[in-house]
Amino acid sequence: MFPKTEITRSFNAPRELVFKAFTESEHLQNWWCPKGWAFDISKFELRQEGVFHYSQTSPDGNVMWVKFVYHEVNAPDKLVYTSFFSDEMGNIVLAPFNDNWPLESQYFYIHRAWR
């Protein structure tokens, strides 16, 4: 079992825009994959139990597929999803860079107001 990790980021932008950066394909195209990699969305359904299935292609042609399943979508404050590496059909596969990587990871995007 892997430990829980919390990463907190602050953005100097309206929360609606930050949420869109995580949930709209035209924004994701600009930052989601490593620089120099191609990003292609196969399926994108932003709703509870919806799927985000995409591929990233490295400059040398290696393709890596990833799939999210959304569990909670409450724009612009909360997004909960499970992520895993997949094949082109969306089936779970081992991470292409590390056999010890967890098969699934759960993520929470939560807007917290400054106090």
C-alpha atoms as a PDB file:
ATOM      1  CA  MET A   1       0.000   0.000   0.000  1.00  0.00           C
ATOM      2  CA  PHE A   2       1.265   3.445  -0.881  1.00  0.00           C
ATOM      3  CA  PRO A   3       1.039   6.355   1.549  1.00  0.00           C
ATOM      4  CA  LYS A   4      -1.371   9.213   1.061  1.00  0.00           C
ATOM      5  CA  THR A   5       0.273  12.241  -0.508  1.00  0.00           C
ATOM      6  CA  GLU A   6      -1.204  15.718  -0.501  1.00  0.00           C
ATOM      7  CA  ILE A   7      -0.029  18.356  -2.935  1.00  0.00           C
ATOM      8  CA  THR A   8      -1.344  21.876  -2.560  1.00  0.00           C
ATOM      9  CA  ARG A   9      -1.058  24.541  -5.243  1.00  0.00           C
ATOM     10  CA  SER A  10      -2.174  28.152  -5.291  1.00  0.00           C
ATOM     11  CA  PHE A  11      -3.088  29.909  -8.526  1.00  0.00           C
ATOM     12  CA  ASN A  12      -3.506  33.599  -9.172  1.00  0.00           C
ATOM     13  CA  ALA A  13      -6.620  33.002 -11.274  1.00  0.00           C
ATOM     14  CA  PRO A  14     -10.383  32.781 -10.791  1.00  0.00           C
ATOM     15  CA  ARG A  15     -11.435  29.364  -9.513  1.00  0.00           C
ATOM     16  CA  GLU A  16     -13.714  28.878 -12.542  1.00  0.00           C
ATOM     17  CA  LEU A  17     -10.720  29.222 -14.866  1.00  0.00           C
ATOM     18  CA  VAL A  18      -8.580  26.851 -12.802  1.00  0.00           C
ATOM     19  CA  PHE A  19     -11.388  24.256 -12.861  1.00  0.00           C
ATOM     20  CA  LYS A  20     -11.690  24.655 -16.650  1.00  0.00           C
ATOM     21  CA  ALA A  21      -7.935  24.093 -16.994  1.00  0.00           C
ATOM     22  CA  PHE A  22      -8.469  20.638 -15.449  1.00  0.00           C
ATOM     23  CA  THR A  23     -11.715  19.788 -17.245  1.00  0.00           C
ATOM     24  CA  GLU A  24     -11.848  21.274 -20.748  1.00  0.00           C
ATOM     25  CA  SER A  25      -9.953  19.750 -23.644  1.00  0.00           C
ATOM     26  CA  GLU A  26      -8.890  23.077 -25.156  1.00  0.00           C
ATOM     27  CA  HIS A  27      -7.106  23.930 -21.888  1.00  0.00           C
ATOM     28  CA  LEU A  28      -5.742  20.431 -21.227  1.00  0.00           C
ATOM     29  CA  GLN A  29      -4.124  20.435 -24.667  1.00  0.00           C
ATOM     30  CA  ASN A  30      -1.889  23.287 -23.482  1.00  0.00           C
ATOM     31  CA  TRP A  31      -0.373  21.778 -20.364  1.00  0.00           C
ATOM     32  CA  TRP A  32      -1.381  18.229 -19.489  1.00  0.00           C
ATOM     33  CA  CYS A  33       1.391  16.111 -21.009  1.00  0.00           C
ATOM     34  CA  PRO A  34       5.162  16.601 -20.931  1.00  0.00           C
ATOM     35  CA  LYS A  35       6.570  19.282 -23.207  1.00  0.00           C
ATOM     36  CA  GLY A  36       7.202  17.957 -26.691  1.00  0.00           C
ATOM     37  CA  TRP A  37       4.685  15.112 -26.375  1.00  0.00           C
ATOM     38  CA  ALA A  38       1.489  14.831 -28.435  1.00  0.00           C
ATOM     39  CA  PHE A  39      -1.815  14.628 -26.555  1.00  0.00           C
ATOM     40  CA  ASP A  40      -4.911  12.966 -28.033  1.00  0.00           C
ATOM     41  CA  ILE A  41      -8.264  12.598 -26.316  1.00  0.00           C
ATOM     42  CA  SER A  42     -10.171   9.419 -27.147  1.00  0.00           C
ATOM     43  CA  LYS A  43     -13.143   9.984 -24.820  1.00  0.00           C
ATOM     44  CA  PHE A  44     -14.105  12.835 -22.521  1.00  0.00           C
ATOM     45  CA  GLU A  45     -17.268  12.720 -20.382  1.00  0.00           C
ATOM     46  CA  LEU A  46     -17.131  15.163 -17.482  1.00  0.00           C
ATOM     47  CA  ARG A  47     -19.883  13.727 -15.267  1.00  0.00           C
ATOM     48  CA  GLN A  48     -20.231  11.277 -12.414  1.00  0.00           C
ATOM     49  CA  GLU A  49     -18.987   7.865 -13.649  1.00  0.00           C
ATOM     50  CA  GLY A  50     -17.859   9.569 -16.869  1.00  0.00           C
ATOM     51  CA  VAL A  51     -14.565   8.696 -18.530  1.00  0.00           C
ATOM     52  CA  PHE A  52     -11.559  10.687 -19.690  1.00  0.00           C
ATOM     53  CA  HIS A  53      -9.412   8.407 -21.872  1.00  0.00           C
ATOM     54  CA  TYR A  54      -6.394   9.821 -23.636  1.00  0.00           C
ATOM     55  CA  SER A  55      -2.998   9.013 -25.066  1.00  0.00           C
ATOM     56  CA  GLN A  56       0.327  10.779 -24.832  1.00  0.00           C
ATOM     57  CA  THR A  57       2.958  10.168 -27.500  1.00  0.00           C
ATOM     58  CA  SER A  58       6.613  10.889 -26.799  1.00  0.00           C
ATOM     59  CA  PRO A  59       8.831  12.564 -29.411  1.00  0.00           C
ATOM     60  CA  ASP A  60      10.343   9.139 -30.229  1.00  0.00           C
ATOM     61  CA  GLY A  61       6.887   7.632 -30.876  1.00  0.00           C
ATOM     62  CA  ASN A  62       6.155   5.740 -27.637  1.00  0.00           C
ATOM     63  CA  VAL A  63       2.443   5.867 -26.821  1.00  0.00           C
ATOM     64  CA  MET A  64       1.114   5.831 -23.261  1.00  0.00           C
ATOM     65  CA  TRP A  65      -2.627   5.549 -22.565  1.00  0.00           C
ATOM     66  CA  VAL A  66      -4.324   6.806 -19.395  1.00  0.00           C
ATOM     67  CA  LYS A  67      -7.936   6.620 -18.234  1.00  0.00           C
ATOM     68  CA  PHE A  68      -9.820   8.515 -15.540  1.00  0.00           C
ATOM     69  CA  VAL A  69     -13.188   7.574 -14.088  1.00  0.00           C
ATOM     70  CA  TYR A  70     -14.899  10.549 -12.469  1.00  0.00           C
ATOM     71  CA  HIS A  71     -16.624   9.903  -9.143  1.00  0.00           C
ATOM     72  CA  GLU A  72     -17.680  13.424  -8.230  1.00  0.00           C
ATOM     73  CA  VAL A  73     -17.948  16.532 -10.386  1.00  0.00           C
ATOM     74  CA  ASN A  74     -19.027  19.706  -8.634  1.00  0.00           C
ATOM     75  CA  ALA A  75     -17.856  22.647 -10.741  1.00  0.00           C
ATOM     76  CA  PRO A  76     -15.920  24.745  -9.935  1.00  0.00           C
ATOM     77  CA  ASP A  77     -15.132  23.471  -6.441  1.00  0.00           C
ATOM     78  CA  LYS A  78     -14.528  19.734  -6.471  1.00  0.00           C
ATOM     79  CA  LEU A  79     -13.423  16.950  -8.787  1.00  0.00           C
ATOM     80  CA  VAL A  80     -12.763  13.392  -7.615  1.00  0.00           C
ATOM     81  CA  TYR A  81     -11.481  10.722  -9.980  1.00  0.00           C
ATOM     82  CA  THR A  82      -9.558   7.480 -10.206  1.00  0.00           C
ATOM     83  CA  SER A  83      -6.691   7.352 -12.690  1.00  0.00           C
ATOM     84  CA  PHE A  84      -4.876   4.380 -14.168  1.00  0.00           C
ATOM     85  CA  PHE A  85      -2.638   3.499 -17.077  1.00  0.00           C
ATOM     86  CA  SER A  86      -4.563   1.671 -19.754  1.00  0.00           C
ATOM     87  CA  ASP A  87      -4.381   0.161 -23.168  1.00  0.00           C
ATOM     88  CA  GLU A  88      -6.105   1.670 -26.198  1.00  0.00           C
ATOM     89  CA  MET A  89      -9.346  -0.099 -25.232  1.00  0.00           C
ATOM     90  CA  GLY A  90      -9.313   1.357 -21.695  1.00  0.00           C
ATOM     91  CA  ASN A  91      -8.284  -1.783 -19.814  1.00  0.00           C
ATOM     92  CA  ILE A  92      -5.988  -1.331 -16.805  1.00  0.00           C
ATOM     93  CA  VAL A  93      -2.312  -2.099 -17.488  1.00  0.00           C
ATOM     94  CA  LEU A  94       0.940  -1.726 -15.548  1.00  0.00           C
ATOM     95  CA  ALA A  95       2.620   1.662 -15.691  1.00  0.00           C
ATOM     96  CA  PRO A  96       4.979   1.638 -18.679  1.00  0.00           C
ATOM     97  CA  PHE A  97       7.852   3.061 -16.636  1.00  0.00           C
ATOM     98  CA  ASN A  98       7.582   1.178 -13.307  1.00  0.00           C
ATOM     99  CA  ASP A  99       6.031  -2.216 -12.508  1.00  0.00           C
ATOM    100  CA  ASN A 100       5.670  -1.161  -8.858  1.00  0.00           C
ATOM    101  CA  TRP A 101       3.484   1.855  -9.654  1.00  0.00           C
ATOM    102  CA  PRO A 102      -0.030   1.400  -8.175  1.00  0.00           C
ATOM    103  CA  LEU A 103      -2.604   0.105 -10.641  1.00  0.00           C
ATOM    104  CA  GLU A 104      -5.037   2.846  -9.614  1.00  0.00           C
ATOM    105  CA  SER A 105      -4.657   6.226  -7.936  1.00  0.00           C
ATOM    106  CA  GLN A 106      -7.418   8.433  -6.594  1.00  0.00           C
ATOM    107  CA  TYR A 107      -7.219  12.211  -6.984  1.00  0.00           C
ATOM    108  CA  PHE A 108      -9.124  15.069  -5.413  1.00  0.00           C
ATOM    109  CA  TYR A 109      -9.259  18.567  -6.852  1.00  0.00           C
ATOM    110  CA  ILE A 110     -10.790  20.766  -4.166  1.00  0.00           C
ATOM    111  CA  HIS A 111     -11.039  24.543  -4.161  1.00  0.00           C
ATOM    112  CA  ARG A 112     -10.255  25.970  -0.754  1.00  0.00           C
ATOM    113  CA  ALA A 113     -10.805  29.644  -0.135  1.00  0.00           C
ATOM    114  CA  TRP A 114      -8.058  31.688   1.485  1.00  0.00           C
ATOM    115  CA  ARG A 115      -8.602  32.266   5.179  1.00  0.00           C
END
